Amino acid sequence: MNKEKTALVIEGGGNRGVFSFGITDSFIKNHFDPFDIYIGVSNGVAVLCWYLIRESENNLEKMLYSASGDYINYKNLFLNKDIIKFHKLYKDGERMFKPSMEKIAQNTIGKKYISVVTDAETADAEYYAFDDNNLKDKESWMEIMIASGTLPFLVKTPSLISGRRKFDGGIADPLPVKKAYELGAKKIIVIRTYEKEFRRKIKLENYIGAYFSKEYPELRKALLTHDKTYNNALDFIHNPPSDCEIIQLCPPTRLKSKRDSKNISVLKADYELGKNIAENFLNNLSN
């Protein structure tokens, strides 16, 4: 009889991911990893990267490093340059923190570690697994992680995979819980960077991104209907199939951290909140 699979899904959210790091750091310290499938979107892919490396000593520092660096410049709006220097952030972070692909490979034997990206031309979600051919080397997987967080308009530098342009996986599949279920997961833990009651509304940045994505008509449509895509995923989470259990680990109220937050005390507080949420969850499991 096949073992029922368990999945960990981590939402994106830029620097709100400090909350997710708090949760996974607690998981590491408590040796909690019952998962067969790991799926990340945008920053969630990076959180999973360090979770699978089993490094929890300086994950807060990684987020503070990105917040303190010169990686966001809204003046570049008028210079046709990256407003968020996403590629530079990842390359600098790689040199600074030296992620070990070997440790990820060792800790995912017989498992799936997946990054979600959105294809520019079709606007379809694509799911790249770490154990795919040629993805286990550091350079290839780094490009996949960068692609998963490349936002239209805000990131001008193209993310290319096999010659095709890719964008943030959250456009097509912001909460890939249904994908985890389709891969066989019957118990799914999803780490979200919004509170449970949150429902997505269309944002100004979606209209702006759509305006500057006219060369990609399908992507433009996806940006303008992103609220529906997100809320449909929430509907699946709140009403899963009868053979599937979904557990959400969410902040109790809106995080004070934003995608581009630079306030160190705010980021530290949301990291500690993530740790507390995880400790409560793990304590309840053992009771």
Protein backbone atom coordinates (compact mmCIF):
# COMPACT_ATOMS: atom_id res chain seq x y z
CA MET A 1 0.00 0.00 0.00
CA ASN A 2 1.35 3.42 -0.98
CA LYS A 3 2.06 5.81 1.87
CA GLU A 4 -0.18 8.88 1.86
CA LYS A 5 1.91 11.90 1.01
CA THR A 6 2.27 15.07 3.05
CA ALA A 7 3.14 18.44 1.53
CA LEU A 8 4.50 21.77 2.68
CA VAL A 9 3.42 24.76 0.58
CA ILE A 10 4.87 28.23 1.19
CA GLU A 11 3.33 31.42 -0.19
CA GLY A 12 5.45 34.32 -1.42
CA GLY A 13 5.31 37.90 -0.24
CA GLY A 14 8.73 39.53 -0.46
CA ASN A 15 9.96 40.61 2.95
CA ARG A 16 6.77 39.28 4.54
CA GLY A 17 8.60 35.97 4.12
CA VAL A 18 10.39 36.76 7.38
CA PHE A 19 7.28 35.28 9.04
CA SER A 20 7.67 32.08 7.00
CA PHE A 21 11.34 31.87 7.98
CA GLY A 22 10.30 32.02 11.62
CA ILE A 23 8.07 29.00 11.10
CA THR A 24 10.57 26.90 9.17
CA ASP A 25 13.39 27.77 11.57
CA SER A 26 11.25 26.36 14.38
CA PHE A 27 10.58 23.28 12.26
CA ILE A 28 14.33 22.76 11.82
CA LYS A 29 15.11 23.21 15.50
CA ASN A 30 12.37 20.73 16.42
CA HIS A 31 13.46 18.23 13.72
CA PHE A 32 10.02 18.46 12.13
CA ASP A 33 9.94 17.29 8.53
CA PRO A 34 7.22 14.75 7.73
CA PHE A 35 6.93 16.05 4.17
CA ASP A 36 7.18 14.27 0.82
CA ILE A 37 6.46 17.34 -1.32
CA TYR A 38 7.67 20.93 -0.94
CA ILE A 39 6.24 23.66 -3.17
CA GLY A 40 7.27 27.31 -2.99
CA VAL A 41 6.20 30.46 -4.76
CA SER A 42 8.48 33.49 -5.09
CA ASN A 43 10.11 34.11 -1.70
CA GLY A 44 8.57 30.82 -0.55
CA VAL A 45 11.04 28.96 -2.78
CA ALA A 46 13.94 30.62 -0.97
CA VAL A 47 12.44 29.82 2.44
CA LEU A 48 12.20 26.17 1.39
CA CYS A 49 15.76 26.28 0.09
CA TRP A 50 17.15 27.07 3.53
CA TYR A 51 14.70 24.76 5.26
CA LEU A 52 15.96 21.89 3.11
CA ILE A 53 19.57 22.87 3.74
CA ARG A 54 18.62 22.64 7.43
CA GLU A 55 20.23 25.96 8.23
CA SER A 56 18.42 28.02 10.86
CA GLU A 57 21.25 29.96 12.46
CA ASN A 58 21.11 33.06 10.27
CA ASN A 59 17.87 32.99 8.30
CA LEU A 60 16.66 36.15 9.97
CA GLU A 61 19.94 37.76 8.91
CA LYS A 62 19.24 36.77 5.31
CA MET A 63 15.99 38.73 5.34
CA LEU A 64 17.56 41.68 7.14
CA TYR A 65 20.39 41.59 4.58
CA SER A 66 17.93 41.93 1.71
CA ALA A 67 16.02 44.69 3.52
CA SER A 68 19.11 46.71 4.40
CA GLY A 69 20.73 46.51 0.98
CA ASP A 70 20.23 48.87 -1.94
CA TYR A 71 17.87 46.56 -3.81
CA ILE A 72 14.78 48.75 -4.21
CA ASN A 73 14.89 52.09 -5.96
CA TYR A 74 11.63 53.64 -7.12
CA LYS A 75 13.53 56.35 -9.00
CA ASN A 76 14.42 53.66 -11.52
CA LEU A 77 10.82 53.89 -12.70
CA PHE A 78 11.96 56.85 -14.80
CA LEU A 79 15.20 55.22 -15.96
CA ASN A 80 13.75 51.96 -17.34
CA LYS A 81 15.81 50.00 -14.83
CA ASP A 82 14.89 47.43 -12.20
CA ILE A 83 12.82 49.00 -9.44
CA ILE A 84 13.48 45.83 -7.47
CA LYS A 85 17.03 44.63 -8.24
CA PHE A 86 15.93 41.05 -7.86
CA HIS A 87 18.66 39.33 -9.84
CA LYS A 88 21.37 41.30 -8.01
CA LEU A 89 19.76 40.51 -4.65
CA TYR A 90 19.87 36.77 -5.30
CA LYS A 91 23.38 36.78 -6.74
CA ASP A 92 24.72 38.87 -3.84
CA GLY A 93 22.89 36.64 -1.34
CA GLU A 94 24.34 33.53 -2.98
CA ARG A 95 27.87 34.88 -2.59
CA MET A 96 27.21 35.96 1.00
CA PHE A 97 25.42 32.87 2.35
CA LYS A 98 26.59 30.11 -0.04
CA PRO A 99 23.56 27.77 -0.22
CA SER A 100 24.51 24.10 -0.51
CA MET A 101 22.78 22.31 -3.37
CA GLU A 102 24.38 19.10 -2.12
CA LYS A 103 22.50 19.31 1.18
CA ILE A 104 19.22 19.97 -0.62
CA ALA A 105 19.81 16.93 -2.83
CA GLN A 106 20.60 14.80 0.21
CA ASN A 107 17.48 15.94 2.10
CA THR A 108 15.11 15.48 -0.84
CA ILE A 109 15.97 11.92 -1.86
CA GLY A 110 12.68 10.32 -2.86
CA LYS A 111 10.88 13.64 -2.43
CA LYS A 112 9.88 16.62 -4.57
CA TYR A 113 11.07 20.23 -4.11
CA ILE A 114 9.16 22.40 -6.57
CA SER A 115 9.34 26.03 -7.66
CA VAL A 116 6.35 27.67 -9.37
CA VAL A 117 6.86 30.13 -12.23
CA THR A 118 4.51 31.78 -14.71
CA ASP A 119 5.22 31.58 -18.44
CA ALA A 120 5.11 35.02 -20.05
CA GLU A 121 3.44 33.93 -23.28
CA THR A 122 0.82 31.48 -22.01
CA ALA A 123 0.44 32.82 -18.43
CA ASP A 124 0.27 29.18 -17.33
CA ALA A 125 1.82 27.97 -14.10
CA GLU A 126 4.90 25.81 -14.58
CA TYR A 127 6.33 23.58 -11.87
CA TYR A 128 10.06 22.95 -11.85
CA ALA A 129 11.32 20.19 -9.60
CA PHE A 130 14.79 20.27 -8.08
CA ASP A 131 15.48 16.70 -9.21
CA ASP A 132 14.77 17.48 -12.87
CA ASN A 133 17.74 16.95 -15.17
CA ASN A 134 20.32 19.75 -14.96
CA LEU A 135 18.58 21.61 -12.12
CA LYS A 136 20.64 20.29 -9.22
CA ASP A 137 23.58 22.54 -9.99
CA LYS A 138 23.57 25.83 -8.13
CA GLU A 139 23.40 28.14 -11.14
CA SER A 140 20.38 26.45 -12.75
CA TRP A 141 18.34 26.27 -9.55
CA MET A 142 19.20 29.87 -8.70
CA GLU A 143 17.73 30.95 -12.05
CA ILE A 144 14.54 29.00 -11.25
CA MET A 145 14.25 30.69 -7.86
CA ILE A 146 14.83 34.11 -9.39
CA ALA A 147 12.19 33.46 -12.07
CA SER A 148 9.64 32.48 -9.42
CA GLY A 149 9.85 35.97 -7.89
CA THR A 150 10.31 38.14 -11.00
CA LEU A 151 7.45 40.62 -10.94
CA PRO A 152 6.29 42.34 -14.14
CA PHE A 153 7.17 46.04 -14.38
CA LEU A 154 9.06 46.06 -11.06
CA VAL A 155 11.81 43.78 -12.45
CA LYS A 156 12.97 44.78 -15.92
CA THR A 157 15.83 42.28 -16.22
CA PRO A 158 14.34 39.21 -17.97
CA SER A 159 14.24 35.80 -16.32
CA LEU A 160 14.74 33.20 -19.03
CA ILE A 161 14.35 29.43 -18.80
CA SER A 162 15.15 27.51 -21.98
CA GLY A 163 14.99 30.80 -23.87
CA ARG A 164 11.44 31.68 -22.74
CA ARG A 165 10.65 34.56 -20.43
CA LYS A 166 9.17 33.69 -17.03
CA PHE A 167 7.57 35.71 -14.26
CA ASP A 168 6.51 35.36 -10.63
CA GLY A 169 4.79 32.04 -10.00
CA GLY A 170 2.23 33.81 -7.84
CA ILE A 171 0.56 35.27 -10.92
CA ALA A 172 -0.64 31.88 -12.14
CA ASP A 173 -0.68 29.85 -8.91
CA PRO A 174 -0.19 31.96 -5.77
CA LEU A 175 -1.22 29.18 -3.36
CA PRO A 176 -0.35 25.87 -5.09
CA VAL A 177 -2.24 23.68 -2.63
CA LYS A 178 -4.37 22.10 -5.35
CA LYS A 179 -1.17 21.19 -7.21
CA ALA A 180 0.13 19.48 -4.06
CA TYR A 181 -3.10 17.48 -3.89
CA GLU A 182 -2.82 16.52 -7.56
CA LEU A 183 0.69 15.24 -6.80
CA GLY A 184 -0.80 12.89 -4.23
CA ALA A 185 -0.62 14.87 -0.99
CA LYS A 186 -3.50 14.05 1.35
CA LYS A 187 -2.22 16.21 4.21
CA ILE A 188 -1.01 19.69 3.32
CA ILE A 189 0.46 22.38 5.53
CA VAL A 190 0.43 25.79 3.89
CA ILE A 191 2.40 28.70 5.30
CA ARG A 192 0.71 31.94 4.34
CA THR A 193 1.83 35.53 4.76
CA TYR A 194 -1.75 36.79 5.16
CA GLU A 195 -4.31 36.09 7.85
CA LYS A 196 -6.90 33.34 7.29
CA GLU A 197 -9.74 35.80 6.68
CA PHE A 198 -7.86 37.61 3.91
CA ARG A 199 -9.47 37.78 0.47
CA ARG A 200 -7.57 39.24 -2.47
CA LYS A 201 -8.74 42.42 -4.15
CA ILE A 202 -7.29 43.65 -7.40
CA LYS A 203 -4.42 46.04 -6.68
CA LEU A 204 -3.06 49.09 -8.45
CA GLU A 205 0.17 47.23 -9.16
CA ASN A 206 -1.83 44.66 -11.15
CA TYR A 207 -3.15 47.38 -13.44
CA ILE A 208 0.32 48.88 -13.77
CA GLY A 209 1.89 45.48 -14.45
CA ALA A 210 -0.81 44.72 -17.03
CA TYR A 211 -0.26 48.07 -18.76
CA PHE A 212 3.45 47.35 -19.13
CA SER A 213 2.85 43.76 -20.27
CA LYS A 214 1.03 44.51 -23.51
CA GLU A 215 3.48 42.33 -25.44
CA TYR A 216 2.15 39.36 -23.45
CA PRO A 217 -1.66 39.42 -23.80
CA GLU A 218 -2.27 36.27 -21.74
CA LEU A 219 -0.05 37.52 -18.92
CA ARG A 220 -1.91 40.84 -19.02
CA LYS A 221 -5.22 39.00 -18.59
CA ALA A 222 -3.81 36.96 -15.72
CA LEU A 223 -2.68 40.10 -13.91
CA LEU A 224 -6.13 41.67 -14.28
CA THR A 225 -7.86 38.57 -12.91
CA HIS A 226 -5.33 37.77 -10.21
CA ASP A 227 -7.83 38.42 -7.43
CA LYS A 228 -10.04 35.64 -8.77
CA THR A 229 -7.09 33.27 -9.17
CA TYR A 230 -6.01 33.88 -5.59
CA ASN A 231 -9.50 33.59 -4.14
CA ASN A 232 -10.20 30.40 -6.07
CA ALA A 233 -7.13 28.91 -4.38
CA LEU A 234 -8.51 30.03 -1.03
CA ASP A 235 -11.81 28.34 -1.84
CA PHE A 236 -9.95 25.07 -2.38
CA ILE A 237 -8.10 25.51 0.91
CA HIS A 238 -11.31 26.18 2.84
CA ASN A 239 -13.23 23.40 1.08
CA PRO A 240 -10.75 20.62 0.29
CA PRO A 241 -11.72 17.20 -1.09
CA SER A 242 -13.00 14.79 1.53
CA ASP A 243 -9.75 12.77 1.47
CA CYS A 244 -7.52 15.80 2.04
CA GLU A 245 -6.62 17.71 5.23
CA ILE A 246 -5.26 21.24 4.85
CA ILE A 247 -3.69 23.11 7.75
CA GLN A 248 -2.96 26.82 7.43
CA LEU A 249 -0.21 28.49 9.42
CA CYS A 250 -1.04 32.18 9.18
CA PRO A 251 -0.40 35.35 11.12
CA PRO A 252 -3.41 36.12 13.35
CA THR A 253 -3.69 39.63 11.88
CA ARG A 254 -2.05 41.48 8.99
CA LEU A 255 1.73 41.41 9.24
CA LYS A 256 3.37 44.76 9.82
CA SER A 257 6.06 43.73 7.32
CA LYS A 258 5.37 44.62 3.71
CA ARG A 259 6.95 43.30 0.55
CA ASP A 260 9.54 46.09 0.58
CA SER A 261 9.85 46.66 4.35
CA LYS A 262 13.20 47.95 5.61
CA ASN A 263 12.27 48.48 9.26
CA ILE A 264 14.49 46.03 11.13
CA SER A 265 12.42 45.97 14.33
CA VAL A 266 9.23 45.25 12.37
CA LEU A 267 10.90 42.41 10.46
CA LYS A 268 12.31 40.91 13.65
CA ALA A 269 8.90 41.04 15.32
CA ASP A 270 7.22 39.20 12.43
CA TYR A 271 10.01 36.61 12.46
CA GLU A 272 9.36 35.99 16.16
CA LEU A 273 5.63 35.79 15.44
CA GLY A 274 6.33 33.02 12.93
CA LYS A 275 8.38 31.14 15.51
CA ASN A 276 5.56 31.41 18.05
CA ILE A 277 2.95 30.20 15.55
CA ALA A 278 5.14 27.18 14.74
CA GLU A 279 5.85 26.36 18.39
CA ASN A 280 2.12 26.44 19.20
CA PHE A 281 1.39 24.22 16.20
CA LEU A 282 4.08 21.69 17.18
CA ASN A 283 2.98 21.69 20.83
CA ASN A 284 -0.60 20.93 19.76
CA LEU A 285 0.66 18.03 17.65
CA SER A 286 2.34 16.44 20.63
CA ASN A 287 -0.65 16.88 22.97
